[in-house]
Amino acid sequence: MVSKVAWLEEAGQTQPKLVSCSWDQTIRVWDVTASASDTTGKCGESRCISAGSPLHDLSVAPQGVLVGASDNKVRIYDLRAKGKHFPSSYHCVCILQGGYLLP
């Protein structure tokens, strides 16, 4: 099940791409200009990154993708990297609600 989608606008690119995160533990970058009958059989998918945990939410910037996972971690992926992805991973240490710190 797809959790969230967002547009990625890269510098120097005329067509934005679509980025999705999912419960299947993946971040996918989609080329929306590709035909559904593309010979690769991937229906426009241009990249797939395994996050190692089901993903709930994402935020996209030209520098990368920030995802929130079910293991209570936030991960940052640099989409400019062309090989393996080495995400930065962070644990939640506090929660703010209405401007107040919750214990």
PDB file of N, CA and C in Angstrom:
ATOM      1  N   MET A   1       0.842  -1.176   0.000  1.00  0.00           N
ATOM      2  CA  MET A   1       0.000   0.000   0.000  1.00  0.00           C
ATOM      3  C   MET A   1       0.890   1.242   0.000  1.00  0.00           C
ATOM      4  N   VAL A   2       0.619   2.141  -0.908  1.00  0.00           N
ATOM      5  CA  VAL A   2       1.361   3.396  -0.985  1.00  0.00           C
ATOM      6  C   VAL A   2       0.899   4.305   0.149  1.00  0.00           C
ATOM      7  N   SER A   3       1.865   4.855   0.890  1.00  0.00           N
ATOM      8  CA  SER A   3       1.557   5.715   2.034  1.00  0.00           C
ATOM      9  C   SER A   3       1.469   7.185   1.651  1.00  0.00           C
ATOM     10  N   LYS A   4       2.374   7.614   0.764  1.00  0.00           N
ATOM     11  CA  LYS A   4       2.447   9.036   0.434  1.00  0.00           C
ATOM     12  C   LYS A   4       3.120   9.206  -0.916  1.00  0.00           C
ATOM     13  N   VAL A   5       2.719  10.239  -1.643  1.00  0.00           N
ATOM     14  CA  VAL A   5       3.372  10.601  -2.902  1.00  0.00           C
ATOM     15  C   VAL A   5       3.661  12.098  -2.896  1.00  0.00           C
ATOM     16  N   ALA A   6       4.705  12.499  -3.622  1.00  0.00           N
ATOM     17  CA  ALA A   6       5.064  13.909  -3.724  1.00  0.00           C
ATOM     18  C   ALA A   6       5.814  14.132  -5.033  1.00  0.00           C
ATOM     19  N   TRP A   7       5.749  15.352  -5.539  1.00  0.00           N
ATOM     20  CA  TRP A   7       6.478  15.706  -6.750  1.00  0.00           C
ATOM     21  C   TRP A   7       7.909  16.077  -6.411  1.00  0.00           C
ATOM     22  N   LEU A   8       8.847  15.671  -7.264  1.00  0.00           N
ATOM     23  CA  LEU A   8      10.259  16.027  -7.140  1.00  0.00           C
ATOM     24  C   LEU A   8      10.627  16.868  -8.349  1.00  0.00           C
ATOM     25  N   GLU A   9      11.016  18.113  -8.102  1.00  0.00           N
ATOM     26  CA  GLU A   9      11.460  18.983  -9.186  1.00  0.00           C
ATOM     27  C   GLU A   9      12.966  19.144  -9.061  1.00  0.00           C
ATOM     28  N   GLU A  10      13.692  18.610 -10.040  1.00  0.00           N
ATOM     29  CA  GLU A  10      15.147  18.652 -10.029  1.00  0.00           C
ATOM     30  C   GLU A  10      15.643  19.799 -10.903  1.00  0.00           C
ATOM     31  N   ALA A  11      16.727  20.439 -10.460  1.00  0.00           N
ATOM     32  CA  ALA A  11      17.317  21.530 -11.228  1.00  0.00           C
ATOM     33  C   ALA A  11      17.765  21.015 -12.591  1.00  0.00           C
ATOM     34  N   GLY A  12      17.458  21.764 -13.631  1.00  0.00           N
ATOM     35  CA  GLY A  12      17.868  21.391 -14.975  1.00  0.00           C
ATOM     36  C   GLY A  12      16.955  20.383 -15.651  1.00  0.00           C
ATOM     37  N   GLN A  13      15.945  19.901 -14.962  1.00  0.00           N
ATOM     38  CA  GLN A  13      15.001  18.940 -15.538  1.00  0.00           C
ATOM     39  C   GLN A  13      13.709  19.665 -15.898  1.00  0.00           C
ATOM     40  N   THR A  14      13.173  19.369 -17.063  1.00  0.00           N
ATOM     41  CA  THR A  14      11.935  20.026 -17.482  1.00  0.00           C
ATOM     42  C   THR A  14      10.697  19.307 -16.965  1.00  0.00           C
ATOM     43  N   GLN A  15      10.805  18.014 -16.715  1.00  0.00           N
ATOM     44  CA  GLN A  15       9.665  17.232 -16.231  1.00  0.00           C
ATOM     45  C   GLN A  15       9.897  16.803 -14.785  1.00  0.00           C
ATOM     46  N   PRO A  16       8.990  17.155 -13.887  1.00  0.00           N
ATOM     47  CA  PRO A  16       9.140  16.665 -12.511  1.00  0.00           C
ATOM     48  C   PRO A  16       8.907  15.160 -12.455  1.00  0.00           C
ATOM     49  N   LYS A  17       9.412  14.540 -11.394  1.00  0.00           N
ATOM     50  CA  LYS A  17       9.188  13.112 -11.177  1.00  0.00           C
ATOM     51  C   LYS A  17       8.308  12.952  -9.947  1.00  0.00           C
ATOM     52  N   LEU A  18       7.695  11.814  -9.847  1.00  0.00           N
ATOM     53  CA  LEU A  18       6.843  11.496  -8.712  1.00  0.00           C
ATOM     54  C   LEU A  18       7.620  10.561  -7.789  1.00  0.00           C
ATOM     55  N   VAL A  19       7.570  10.829  -6.483  1.00  0.00           N
ATOM     56  CA  VAL A  19       8.239   9.983  -5.495  1.00  0.00           C
ATOM     57  C   VAL A  19       7.164   9.405  -4.590  1.00  0.00           C
ATOM     58  N   SER A  20       7.259   8.106  -4.305  1.00  0.00           N
ATOM     59  CA  SER A  20       6.288   7.464  -3.414  1.00  0.00           C
ATOM     60  C   SER A  20       7.015   6.681  -2.334  1.00  0.00           C
ATOM     61  N   CYS A  21       6.355   6.567  -1.180  1.00  0.00           N
ATOM     62  CA  CYS A  21       6.846   5.670  -0.133  1.00  0.00           C
ATOM     63  C   CYS A  21       5.705   4.717   0.194  1.00  0.00           C
ATOM     64  N   SER A  22       6.066   3.553   0.718  1.00  0.00           N
ATOM     65  CA  SER A  22       5.065   2.509   0.830  1.00  0.00           C
ATOM     66  C   SER A  22       5.299   1.601   2.025  1.00  0.00           C
ATOM     67  N   TRP A  23       4.241   0.857   2.358  1.00  0.00           N
ATOM     68  CA  TRP A  23       4.317  -0.153   3.409  1.00  0.00           C
ATOM     69  C   TRP A  23       5.200  -1.327   2.993  1.00  0.00           C
ATOM     70  N   ASP A  24       5.520  -1.437   1.697  1.00  0.00           N
ATOM     71  CA  ASP A  24       6.399  -2.528   1.252  1.00  0.00           C
ATOM     72  C   ASP A  24       7.876  -2.187   1.459  1.00  0.00           C
ATOM     73  N   GLN A  25       8.155  -1.126   2.217  1.00  0.00           N
ATOM     74  CA  GLN A  25       9.489  -0.714   2.639  1.00  0.00           C
ATOM     75  C   GLN A  25      10.301  -0.058   1.527  1.00  0.00           C
ATOM     76  N   THR A  26       9.633   0.477   0.512  1.00  0.00           N
ATOM     77  CA  THR A  26      10.371   1.068  -0.599  1.00  0.00           C
ATOM     78  C   THR A  26      10.037   2.536  -0.818  1.00  0.00           C
ATOM     79  N   ILE A  27      11.038   3.233  -1.347  1.00  0.00           N
ATOM     80  CA  ILE A  27      10.876   4.575  -1.888  1.00  0.00           C
ATOM     81  C   ILE A  27      11.048   4.397  -3.390  1.00  0.00           C
ATOM     82  N   ARG A  28      10.087   4.866  -4.154  1.00  0.00           N
ATOM     83  CA  ARG A  28      10.169   4.716  -5.607  1.00  0.00           C
ATOM     84  C   ARG A  28      10.097   6.090  -6.272  1.00  0.00           C
ATOM     85  N   VAL A  29      10.946   6.264  -7.277  1.00  0.00           N
ATOM     86  CA  VAL A  29      10.943   7.478  -8.083  1.00  0.00           C
ATOM     87  C   VAL A  29      10.368   7.095  -9.441  1.00  0.00           C
ATOM     88  N   TRP A  30       9.342   7.836  -9.851  1.00  0.00           N
ATOM     89  CA  TRP A  30       8.604   7.505 -11.073  1.00  0.00           C
ATOM     90  C   TRP A  30       8.813   8.568 -12.136  1.00  0.00           C
ATOM     91  N   ASP A  31       9.109   8.132 -13.348  1.00  0.00           N
ATOM     92  CA  ASP A  31       9.178   9.015 -14.508  1.00  0.00           C
ATOM     93  C   ASP A  31       7.779   9.062 -15.102  1.00  0.00           C
ATOM     94  N   VAL A  32       7.075  10.144 -14.854  1.00  0.00           N
ATOM     95  CA  VAL A  32       5.670  10.211 -15.270  1.00  0.00           C
ATOM     96  C   VAL A  32       5.505  10.422 -16.771  1.00  0.00           C
ATOM     97  N   THR A  33       6.605  10.683 -17.474  1.00  0.00           N
ATOM     98  CA  THR A  33       6.516  10.827 -18.926  1.00  0.00           C
ATOM     99  C   THR A  33       6.648   9.485 -19.632  1.00  0.00           C
ATOM    100  N   ALA A  34       7.068   8.441 -18.916  1.00  0.00           N
ATOM    101  CA  ALA A  34       7.225   7.115 -19.519  1.00  0.00           C
ATOM    102  C   ALA A  34       5.859   6.496 -19.791  1.00  0.00           C
ATOM    103  N   SER A  35       5.786   5.747 -20.830  1.00  0.00           N
ATOM    104  CA  SER A  35       4.540   5.084 -21.211  1.00  0.00           C
ATOM    105  C   SER A  35       4.280   3.881 -20.325  1.00  0.00           C
ATOM    106  N   ALA A  36       3.022   3.612 -20.049  1.00  0.00           N
ATOM    107  CA  ALA A  36       2.652   2.431 -19.264  1.00  0.00           C
ATOM    108  C   ALA A  36       3.026   1.151 -19.999  1.00  0.00           C
ATOM    109  N   SER A  37       3.210   1.237 -21.297  1.00  0.00           N
ATOM    110  CA  SER A  37       3.598   0.055 -22.066  1.00  0.00           C
ATOM    111  C   SER A  37       5.101   0.029 -22.335  1.00  0.00           C
ATOM    112  N   ASP A  38       5.865   0.727 -21.509  1.00  0.00           N
ATOM    113  CA  ASP A  38       7.319   0.750 -21.626  1.00  0.00           C
ATOM    114  C   ASP A  38       7.852  -0.685 -21.671  1.00  0.00           C
ATOM    115  N   THR A  39       8.859  -0.923 -22.484  1.00  0.00           N
ATOM    116  CA  THR A  39       9.377  -2.285 -22.667  1.00  0.00           C
ATOM    117  C   THR A  39      10.067  -2.838 -21.426  1.00  0.00           C
ATOM    118  N   THR A  40      10.401  -1.984 -20.457  1.00  0.00           N
ATOM    119  CA  THR A  40      11.034  -2.485 -19.234  1.00  0.00           C
ATOM    120  C   THR A  40      10.029  -3.191 -18.343  1.00  0.00           C
ATOM    121  N   GLY A  41       8.741  -2.947 -18.557  1.00  0.00           N
ATOM    122  CA  GLY A  41       7.708  -3.565 -17.731  1.00  0.00           C
ATOM    123  C   GLY A  41       7.552  -2.923 -16.373  1.00  0.00           C
ATOM    124  N   LYS A  42       8.226  -1.790 -16.153  1.00  0.00           N
ATOM    125  CA  LYS A  42       8.166  -1.148 -14.842  1.00  0.00           C
ATOM    126  C   LYS A  42       7.230   0.045 -14.807  1.00  0.00           C
ATOM    127  N   CYS A  43       6.513   0.286 -15.860  1.00  0.00           N
ATOM    128  CA  CYS A  43       5.491   1.343 -15.903  1.00  0.00           C
ATOM    129  C   CYS A  43       6.005   2.701 -15.454  1.00  0.00           C
ATOM    130  N   GLY A  44       7.206   3.073 -15.869  1.00  0.00           N
ATOM    131  CA  GLY A  44       7.724   4.392 -15.564  1.00  0.00           C
ATOM    132  C   GLY A  44       8.564   4.482 -14.309  1.00  0.00           C
ATOM    133  N   GLU A  45       8.750   3.402 -13.575  1.00  0.00           N
ATOM    134  CA  GLU A  45       9.584   3.450 -12.375  1.00  0.00           C
ATOM    135  C   GLU A  45      11.033   3.626 -12.792  1.00  0.00           C
ATOM    136  N   SER A  46      11.697   4.659 -12.258  1.00  0.00           N
ATOM    137  CA  SER A  46      13.086   4.892 -12.631  1.00  0.00           C
ATOM    138  C   SER A  46      14.069   4.513 -11.529  1.00  0.00           C
ATOM    139  N   ARG A  47      13.623   4.465 -10.287  1.00  0.00           N
ATOM    140  CA  ARG A  47      14.495   4.059  -9.175  1.00  0.00           C
ATOM    141  C   ARG A  47      13.664   3.433  -8.079  1.00  0.00           C
ATOM    142  N   CYS A  48      14.278   2.496  -7.368  1.00  0.00           N
ATOM    143  CA  CYS A  48      13.630   1.871  -6.219  1.00  0.00           C
ATOM    144  C   CYS A  48      14.673   1.720  -5.123  1.00  0.00           C
ATOM    145  N   ILE A  49      14.370   2.244  -3.947  1.00  0.00           N
ATOM    146  CA  ILE A  49      15.283   2.194  -2.810  1.00  0.00           C
ATOM    147  C   ILE A  49      14.603   1.429  -1.690  1.00  0.00           C
ATOM    148  N   SER A  50      15.279   0.439  -1.138  1.00  0.00           N
ATOM    149  CA  SER A  50      14.731  -0.321  -0.016  1.00  0.00           C
ATOM    150  C   SER A  50      15.105   0.371   1.291  1.00  0.00           C
ATOM    151  N   ALA A  51      14.108   0.656   2.117  1.00  0.00           N
ATOM    152  CA  ALA A  51      14.336   1.368   3.375  1.00  0.00           C
ATOM    153  C   ALA A  51      14.478   0.432   4.567  1.00  0.00           C
ATOM    154  N   GLY A  52      14.035  -0.807   4.451  1.00  0.00           N
ATOM    155  CA  GLY A  52      14.192  -1.766   5.533  1.00  0.00           C
ATOM    156  C   GLY A  52      13.103  -1.741   6.584  1.00  0.00           C
ATOM    157  N   SER A  53      12.101  -0.888   6.419  1.00  0.00           N
ATOM    158  CA  SER A  53      10.991  -0.806   7.360  1.00  0.00           C
ATOM    159  C   SER A  53       9.807  -0.170   6.633  1.00  0.00           C
ATOM    160  N   PRO A  54       8.567  -0.545   6.962  1.00  0.00           N
ATOM    161  CA  PRO A  54       7.413   0.092   6.323  1.00  0.00           C
ATOM    162  C   PRO A  54       7.447   1.612   6.510  1.00  0.00           C
ATOM    163  N   LEU A  55       7.083   2.337   5.469  1.00  0.00           N
ATOM    164  CA  LEU A  55       7.181   3.793   5.472  1.00  0.00           C
ATOM    165  C   LEU A  55       5.806   4.438   5.546  1.00  0.00           C
ATOM    166  N   HIS A  56       5.708   5.481   6.385  1.00  0.00           N
ATOM    167  CA  HIS A  56       4.432   6.153   6.617  1.00  0.00           C
ATOM    168  C   HIS A  56       4.306   7.490   5.897  1.00  0.00           C
ATOM    169  N   ASP A  57       5.409   8.242   5.824  1.00  0.00           N
ATOM    170  CA  ASP A  57       5.320   9.609   5.314  1.00  0.00           C
ATOM    171  C   ASP A  57       6.629   9.987   4.641  1.00  0.00           C
ATOM    172  N   LEU A  58       6.572  11.004   3.776  1.00  0.00           N
ATOM    173  CA  LEU A  58       7.782  11.485   3.127  1.00  0.00           C
ATOM    174  C   LEU A  58       7.676  12.960   2.835  1.00  0.00           C
ATOM    175  N   SER A  59       8.839  13.581   2.728  1.00  0.00           N
ATOM    176  CA  SER A  59       8.955  14.960   2.288  1.00  0.00           C
ATOM    177  C   SER A  59      10.094  14.983   1.278  1.00  0.00           C
ATOM    178  N   VAL A  60       9.919  15.736   0.186  1.00  0.00           N
ATOM    179  CA  VAL A  60      10.866  15.694  -0.920  1.00  0.00           C
ATOM    180  C   VAL A  60      11.472  17.067  -1.157  1.00  0.00           C
ATOM    181  N   ALA A  61      12.782  17.097  -1.405  1.00  0.00           N
ATOM    182  CA  ALA A  61      13.507  18.294  -1.814  1.00  0.00           C
ATOM    183  C   ALA A  61      14.493  17.862  -2.897  1.00  0.00           C
ATOM    184  N   PRO A  62      15.020  18.792  -3.686  1.00  0.00           N
ATOM    185  CA  PRO A  62      15.972  18.395  -4.726  1.00  0.00           C
ATOM    186  C   PRO A  62      17.186  17.636  -4.176  1.00  0.00           C
ATOM    187  N   GLN A  63      17.548  17.880  -2.932  1.00  0.00           N
ATOM    188  CA  GLN A  63      18.701  17.212  -2.341  1.00  0.00           C
ATOM    189  C   GLN A  63      18.402  15.794  -1.883  1.00  0.00           C
ATOM    190  N   GLY A  64      17.144  15.480  -1.626  1.00  0.00           N
ATOM    191  CA  GLY A  64      16.844  14.140  -1.146  1.00  0.00           C
ATOM    192  C   GLY A  64      15.433  13.978  -0.626  1.00  0.00           C
ATOM    193  N   VAL A  65      15.239  12.840   0.027  1.00  0.00           N
ATOM    194  CA  VAL A  65      13.925  12.467   0.544  1.00  0.00           C
ATOM    195  C   VAL A  65      14.046  12.186   2.035  1.00  0.00           C
ATOM    196  N   LEU A  66      13.108  12.711   2.804  1.00  0.00           N
ATOM    197  CA  LEU A  66      13.006  12.450   4.233  1.00  0.00           C
ATOM    198  C   LEU A  66      11.802  11.544   4.421  1.00  0.00           C
ATOM    199  N   VAL A  67      11.991  10.372   5.056  1.00  0.00           N
ATOM    200  CA  VAL A  67      10.883   9.440   5.260  1.00  0.00           C
ATOM    201  C   VAL A  67      10.742   9.102   6.738  1.00  0.00           C
ATOM    202  N   GLY A  68       9.500   8.895   7.154  1.00  0.00           N
ATOM    203  CA  GLY A  68       9.191   8.435   8.501  1.00  0.00           C
ATOM    204  C   GLY A  68       8.780   6.980   8.431  1.00  0.00           C
ATOM    205  N   ALA A  69       9.409   6.142   9.266  1.00  0.00           N
ATOM    206  CA  ALA A  69       9.199   4.697   9.183  1.00  0.00           C
ATOM    207  C   ALA A  69       8.522   4.147  10.428  1.00  0.00           C
ATOM    208  N   SER A  70       8.007   2.927  10.299  1.00  0.00           N
ATOM    209  CA  SER A  70       7.291   2.287  11.405  1.00  0.00           C
ATOM    210  C   SER A  70       8.217   1.844  12.529  1.00  0.00           C
ATOM    211  N   ASP A  71       9.530   1.880  12.322  1.00  0.00           N
ATOM    212  CA  ASP A  71      10.470   1.537  13.392  1.00  0.00           C
ATOM    213  C   ASP A  71      10.840   2.768  14.226  1.00  0.00           C
ATOM    214  N   ASN A  72      10.012   3.826  14.109  1.00  0.00           N
ATOM    215  CA  ASN A  72      10.189   5.081  14.848  1.00  0.00           C
ATOM    216  C   ASN A  72      11.471   5.815  14.477  1.00  0.00           C
ATOM    217  N   LYS A  73      11.912   5.656  13.240  1.00  0.00           N
ATOM    218  CA  LYS A  73      13.091   6.360  12.756  1.00  0.00           C
ATOM    219  C   LYS A  73      12.704   7.263  11.595  1.00  0.00           C
ATOM    220  N   VAL A  74      13.458   8.338  11.466  1.00  0.00           N
ATOM    221  CA  VAL A  74      13.364   9.220  10.315  1.00  0.00           C
ATOM    222  C   VAL A  74      14.644   9.010   9.523  1.00  0.00           C
ATOM    223  N   ARG A  75      14.506   8.781   8.222  1.00  0.00           N
ATOM    224  CA  ARG A  75      15.675   8.538   7.383  1.00  0.00           C
ATOM    225  C   ARG A  75      15.745   9.599   6.287  1.00  0.00           C
ATOM    226  N   ILE A  76      16.980   9.958   5.935  1.00  0.00           N
ATOM    227  CA  ILE A  76      17.218  10.908   4.859  1.00  0.00           C
ATOM    228  C   ILE A  76      18.012  10.193   3.770  1.00  0.00           C
ATOM    229  N   TYR A  77      17.497  10.235   2.536  1.00  0.00           N
ATOM    230  CA  TYR A  77      18.161   9.609   1.394  1.00  0.00           C
ATOM    231  C   TYR A  77      18.559  10.681   0.396  1.00  0.00           C
ATOM    232  N   ASP A  78      19.804  10.649  -0.045  1.00  0.00           N
ATOM    233  CA  ASP A  78      20.300  11.575  -1.058  1.00  0.00           C
ATOM    234  C   ASP A  78      19.995  10.991  -2.432  1.00  0.00           C
ATOM    235  N   LEU A  79      19.039  11.557  -3.136  1.00  0.00           N
ATOM    236  CA  LEU A  79      18.650  11.041  -4.445  1.00  0.00           C
ATOM    237  C   LEU A  79      19.665  11.357  -5.532  1.00  0.00           C
ATOM    238  N   ARG A  80      20.613  12.231  -5.236  1.00  0.00           N
ATOM    239  CA  ARG A  80      21.643  12.544  -6.223  1.00  0.00           C
ATOM    240  C   ARG A  80      22.687  11.443  -6.308  1.00  0.00           C
ATOM    241  N   ALA A  81      22.769  10.596  -5.272  1.00  0.00           N
ATOM    242  CA  ALA A  81      23.724   9.481  -5.269  1.00  0.00           C
ATOM    243  C   ALA A  81      23.317   8.472  -6.332  1.00  0.00           C
ATOM    244  N   LYS A  82      24.271   7.983  -7.084  1.00  0.00           N
ATOM    245  CA  LYS A  82      23.961   7.085  -8.193  1.00  0.00           C
ATOM    246  C   LYS A  82      24.150   5.611  -7.842  1.00  0.00           C
ATOM    247  N   GLY A  83      24.793   5.300  -6.780  1.00  0.00           N
ATOM    248  CA  GLY A  83      25.025   3.896  -6.441  1.00  0.00           C
ATOM    249  C   GLY A  83      24.195   3.482  -5.252  1.00  0.00           C
ATOM    250  N   LYS A  84      24.872   2.920  -4.271  1.00  0.00           N
ATOM    251  CA  LYS A  84      24.190   2.501  -3.051  1.00  0.00           C
ATOM    252  C   LYS A  84      23.748   3.723  -2.260  1.00  0.00           C
ATOM    253  N   HIS A  85      22.744   3.510  -1.448  1.00  0.00           N
ATOM    254  CA  HIS A  85      22.232   4.588  -0.605  1.00  0.00           C
ATOM    255  C   HIS A  85      22.614   4.309   0.835  1.00  0.00           C
ATOM    256  N   PHE A  86      23.209   5.285   1.477  1.00  0.00           N
ATOM    257  CA  PHE A  86      23.577   5.170   2.877  1.00  0.00           C
ATOM    258  C   PHE A  86      22.768   6.212   3.643  1.00  0.00           C
ATOM    259  N   PRO A  87      21.597   5.824   4.106  1.00  0.00           N
ATOM    260  CA  PRO A  87      20.725   6.820   4.736  1.00  0.00           C
ATOM    261  C   PRO A  87      21.229   7.247   6.104  1.00  0.00           C
ATOM    262  N   SER A  88      20.946   8.488   6.435  1.00  0.00           N
ATOM    263  CA  SER A  88      21.114   8.944   7.807  1.00  0.00           C
ATOM    264  C   SER A  88      19.834   8.548   8.530  1.00  0.00           C
ATOM    265  N   SER A  89      19.963   8.068   9.760  1.00  0.00           N
ATOM    266  CA  SER A  89      18.798   7.578  10.490  1.00  0.00           C
ATOM    267  C   SER A  89      18.758   8.224  11.868  1.00  0.00           C
ATOM    268  N   TYR A  90      17.578   8.655  12.283  1.00  0.00           N
ATOM    269  CA  TYR A  90      17.431   9.370  13.544  1.00  0.00           C
ATOM    270  C   TYR A  90      16.264   8.812  14.343  1.00  0.00           C
ATOM    271  N   HIS A  91      16.427   8.765  15.674  1.00  0.00           N
ATOM    272  CA  HIS A  91      15.358   8.349  16.582  1.00  0.00           C
ATOM    273  C   HIS A  91      14.671   9.583  17.154  1.00  0.00           C
ATOM    274  N   CYS A  92      13.400   9.451  17.469  1.00  0.00           N
ATOM    275  CA  CYS A  92      12.652  10.518  18.122  1.00  0.00           C
ATOM    276  C   CYS A  92      13.073  10.607  19.591  1.00  0.00           C
ATOM    277  N   VAL A  93      13.410  11.805  20.058  1.00  0.00           N
ATOM    278  CA  VAL A  93      13.783  11.981  21.461  1.00  0.00           C
ATOM    279  C   VAL A  93      12.755  12.803  22.234  1.00  0.00           C
ATOM    280  N   CYS A  94      11.888  13.529  21.533  1.00  0.00           N
ATOM    281  CA  CYS A  94      10.833  14.282  22.201  1.00  0.00           C
ATOM    282  C   CYS A  94       9.710  14.553  21.208  1.00  0.00           C
ATOM    283  N   ILE A  95       8.553  14.887  21.734  1.00  0.00           N
ATOM    284  CA  ILE A  95       7.389  15.175  20.905  1.00  0.00           C
ATOM    285  C   ILE A  95       6.838  16.536  21.303  1.00  0.00           C
ATOM    286  N   LEU A  96       6.567  17.375  20.311  1.00  0.00           N
ATOM    287  CA  LEU A  96       5.944  18.667  20.564  1.00  0.00           C
ATOM    288  C   LEU A  96       4.483  18.586  20.167  1.00  0.00           C
ATOM    289  N   GLN A  97       3.621  19.082  21.045  1.00  0.00           N
ATOM    290  CA  GLN A  97       2.199  19.131  20.734  1.00  0.00           C
ATOM    291  C   GLN A  97       1.683  20.495  21.148  1.00  0.00           C
ATOM    292  N   GLY A  98       1.187  21.243  20.178  1.00  0.00           N
ATOM    293  CA  GLY A  98       0.673  22.574  20.477  1.00  0.00           C
ATOM    294  C   GLY A  98       1.730  23.501  21.042  1.00  0.00           C
ATOM    295  N   GLY A  99       2.990  23.290  20.670  1.00  0.00           N
ATOM    296  CA  GLY A  99       4.068  24.130  21.153  1.00  0.00           C
ATOM    297  C   GLY A  99       4.618  23.726  22.509  1.00  0.00           C
ATOM    298  N   TYR A 100       4.116  22.627  23.090  1.00  0.00           N
ATOM    299  CA  TYR A 100       4.582  22.167  24.397  1.00  0.00           C
ATOM    300  C   TYR A 100       5.310  20.842  24.263  1.00  0.00           C
ATOM    301  N   LEU A 101       6.365  20.685  25.028  1.00  0.00           N
ATOM    302  CA  LEU A 101       7.142  19.452  25.033  1.00  0.00           C
ATOM    303  C   LEU A 101       6.436  18.406  25.875  1.00  0.00           C
ATOM    304  N   LEU A 102       6.183  17.232  25.283  1.00  0.00           N
ATOM    305  CA  LEU A 102       5.543  16.134  26.011  1.00  0.00           C
ATOM    306  C   LEU A 102       6.606  15.210  26.578  1.00  0.00           C
ATOM    307  N   PRO A 103       6.402  14.698  27.794  1.00  0.00           N
ATOM    308  CA  PRO A 103       7.398  13.788  28.379  1.00  0.00           C
ATOM    309  C   PRO A 103       7.421  12.453  27.664  1.00  0.00           C
TER     310      PRO A 103
END
